[in-house]
């Protein structure tokens, strides 16, 4: 297996090394070298130079966040959390309607659910004679 030297690495490969090390679950340097088929010393040298130039705190400015931009902003999710705290037995559809009327944001039920789940809320099903009511409760992290 042919391995590339540090001088032969493209800027994209160097950015990939930095991204894998800092953003992708903190991959270990030998794993990065194996995955990209480059020498371990090239990975170490790339990361060392990155730390020296950028203090190793943030990803390089040339790296872009991938994926679709989030529809629900922080203020919108804070609004949803406030709704849940005021009325714990609120339905997702009611939250969707309130969000549309007050914040002028048209979000899907799934987006609302994922945003609340991201804040640590879970759902609890309560069986009633006529329907199932979703009650949100915050998880207690000890």
Protein backbone atom coordinates (compact mmCIF):
# COMPACT_ATOMS: atom_id res chain seq x y z
CA UNK A 1 0.00 0.00 0.00
CA UNK A 2 1.46 3.34 -1.09
CA UNK A 3 1.39 6.11 1.48
CA UNK A 4 1.66 9.80 0.74
CA UNK A 5 4.12 12.15 2.41
CA UNK A 6 3.01 15.36 4.10
CA UNK A 7 4.32 17.47 1.20
CA UNK A 8 2.18 15.48 -1.23
CA UNK A 9 -1.02 16.01 0.72
CA UNK A 10 -3.58 18.29 -0.86
CA UNK A 11 -5.24 21.03 1.15
CA UNK A 12 -8.48 19.03 1.03
CA UNK A 13 -6.76 16.02 2.60
CA UNK A 14 -5.27 18.22 5.32
CA UNK A 15 -8.71 19.69 6.05
CA UNK A 16 -10.14 16.17 6.17
CA UNK A 17 -7.50 15.15 8.74
CA UNK A 18 -8.38 18.15 10.90
CA UNK A 19 -12.11 17.51 10.51
CA UNK A 20 -11.80 13.82 11.41
CA UNK A 21 -9.68 14.58 14.45
CA UNK A 22 -11.73 17.43 15.91
CA UNK A 23 -15.27 16.86 14.61
CA UNK A 24 -15.91 13.20 13.82
CA UNK A 25 -16.10 11.74 17.31
CA UNK A 26 -12.44 12.51 17.98
CA UNK A 27 -10.90 9.82 15.81
CA UNK A 28 -7.45 8.69 16.87
CA UNK A 29 -4.46 9.61 14.73
CA UNK A 30 -3.60 6.00 13.73
CA UNK A 31 -7.21 5.46 12.66
CA UNK A 32 -7.13 8.60 10.52
CA UNK A 33 -3.85 7.49 8.92
CA UNK A 34 -5.30 4.06 8.15
CA UNK A 35 -8.61 5.43 6.80
CA UNK A 36 -6.94 7.98 4.54
CA UNK A 37 -4.01 5.70 3.61
CA UNK A 38 -1.37 8.19 4.66
CA UNK A 39 1.51 7.88 7.09
CA UNK A 40 0.98 8.47 10.79
CA UNK A 41 3.74 11.08 10.80
CA UNK A 42 1.87 13.04 8.11
CA UNK A 43 -1.26 13.08 10.27
CA UNK A 44 0.73 14.13 13.33
CA UNK A 45 2.56 16.85 11.40
CA UNK A 46 -0.66 18.22 9.89
CA UNK A 47 -2.34 18.39 13.30
CA UNK A 48 0.76 19.94 14.92
CA UNK A 49 0.90 22.68 12.27
CA UNK A 50 -2.81 23.28 12.63
CA UNK A 51 -2.46 23.68 16.41
CA UNK A 52 0.47 26.08 16.00
CA UNK A 53 -1.34 28.29 13.49
CA UNK A 54 -4.89 28.10 14.85
CA UNK A 55 -4.28 27.15 18.49
CA UNK A 56 -6.16 23.91 17.85
CA UNK A 57 -9.38 25.32 19.27
CA UNK A 58 -11.67 25.58 16.27
CA UNK A 59 -11.94 23.91 12.90
CA UNK A 60 -10.24 25.72 10.06
CA UNK A 61 -12.34 28.56 8.64
CA UNK A 62 -12.40 26.81 5.27
CA UNK A 63 -14.39 23.91 6.73
CA UNK A 64 -18.11 24.30 6.20
CA UNK A 65 -20.90 22.83 8.25
CA UNK A 66 -22.63 20.21 6.18
CA UNK A 67 -26.30 19.52 5.93
CA UNK A 68 -29.42 21.56 5.75
CA UNK A 69 -29.66 24.73 7.84
CA UNK A 70 -31.86 24.32 10.91
CA UNK A 71 -35.41 25.62 10.50
CA UNK A 72 -35.99 26.14 14.21
CA UNK A 73 -33.71 28.77 15.70
CA UNK A 74 -32.71 28.84 19.36
CA UNK A 75 -35.43 31.37 20.19
CA UNK A 76 -38.06 29.14 18.57
CA UNK A 77 -36.96 26.12 20.60
CA UNK A 78 -36.93 28.25 23.76
CA UNK A 79 -40.52 29.21 22.95
CA UNK A 80 -41.46 25.52 22.61
CA UNK A 81 -39.79 24.71 25.92
CA UNK A 82 -41.78 27.50 27.54
CA UNK A 83 -44.98 26.04 26.12
CA UNK A 84 -44.16 22.64 27.55
CA UNK A 85 -43.33 24.10 30.94
CA UNK A 86 -46.61 26.04 31.06
CA UNK A 87 -48.79 23.20 29.80
CA UNK A 88 -47.06 19.79 30.05
CA UNK A 89 -49.98 17.96 28.41
CA UNK A 90 -49.86 19.97 25.17
CA UNK A 91 -50.09 18.12 21.87
CA UNK A 92 -47.44 18.48 19.18
CA UNK A 93 -50.07 19.86 16.80
CA UNK A 94 -50.98 22.55 19.31
CA UNK A 95 -47.29 23.46 19.62
CA UNK A 96 -47.05 23.61 15.84
CA UNK A 97 -50.03 25.97 15.69
CA UNK A 98 -48.67 28.24 18.45
CA UNK A 99 -45.26 28.33 16.80
CA UNK A 100 -46.86 29.31 13.51
CA UNK A 101 -49.03 32.04 15.05
CA UNK A 102 -46.52 33.58 17.45
CA UNK A 103 -43.13 33.02 15.81
CA UNK A 104 -44.29 32.83 12.17
CA UNK A 105 -42.42 29.54 11.67
CA UNK A 106 -43.96 26.61 9.81
CA UNK A 107 -42.24 23.55 11.26
CA UNK A 108 -43.19 19.91 10.89
CA UNK A 109 -44.25 17.82 13.85
CA UNK A 110 -41.06 15.81 13.49
CA UNK A 111 -38.90 18.95 13.61
CA UNK A 112 -40.65 20.09 16.78
CA UNK A 113 -40.28 16.66 18.34
CA UNK A 114 -36.57 16.47 17.46
CA UNK A 115 -35.92 19.97 18.82
CA UNK A 116 -37.54 19.09 22.14
CA UNK A 117 -35.76 15.76 22.29
CA UNK A 118 -32.51 17.63 21.71
CA UNK A 119 -33.25 19.68 24.82
CA UNK A 120 -33.71 16.53 26.89
CA UNK A 121 -37.48 16.14 26.74
CA UNK A 122 -39.08 12.75 26.32
CA UNK A 123 -42.65 11.73 25.81
CA UNK A 124 -44.83 9.75 28.11
CA UNK A 125 -47.97 8.06 26.88
CA UNK A 126 -50.98 8.15 29.13
CA UNK A 127 -53.85 5.88 28.16
CA UNK A 128 -57.21 7.58 28.34
CA UNK A 129 -60.60 6.19 27.45
CA UNK A 130 -60.79 8.26 24.30
CA UNK A 131 -57.25 9.01 23.20
CA UNK A 132 -53.57 8.89 23.91
CA UNK A 133 -52.20 12.13 25.31
CA UNK A 134 -48.54 12.97 24.93
CA UNK A 135 -47.13 14.47 28.06
CA UNK A 136 -43.63 15.83 27.96
CA UNK A 137 -41.37 15.43 30.91
CA UNK A 138 -37.80 16.50 31.27
CA UNK A 139 -35.29 13.79 31.95
CA UNK A 140 -33.46 14.11 35.22
CA UNK A 141 -29.73 13.77 34.64
CA UNK A 142 -28.01 12.80 37.87
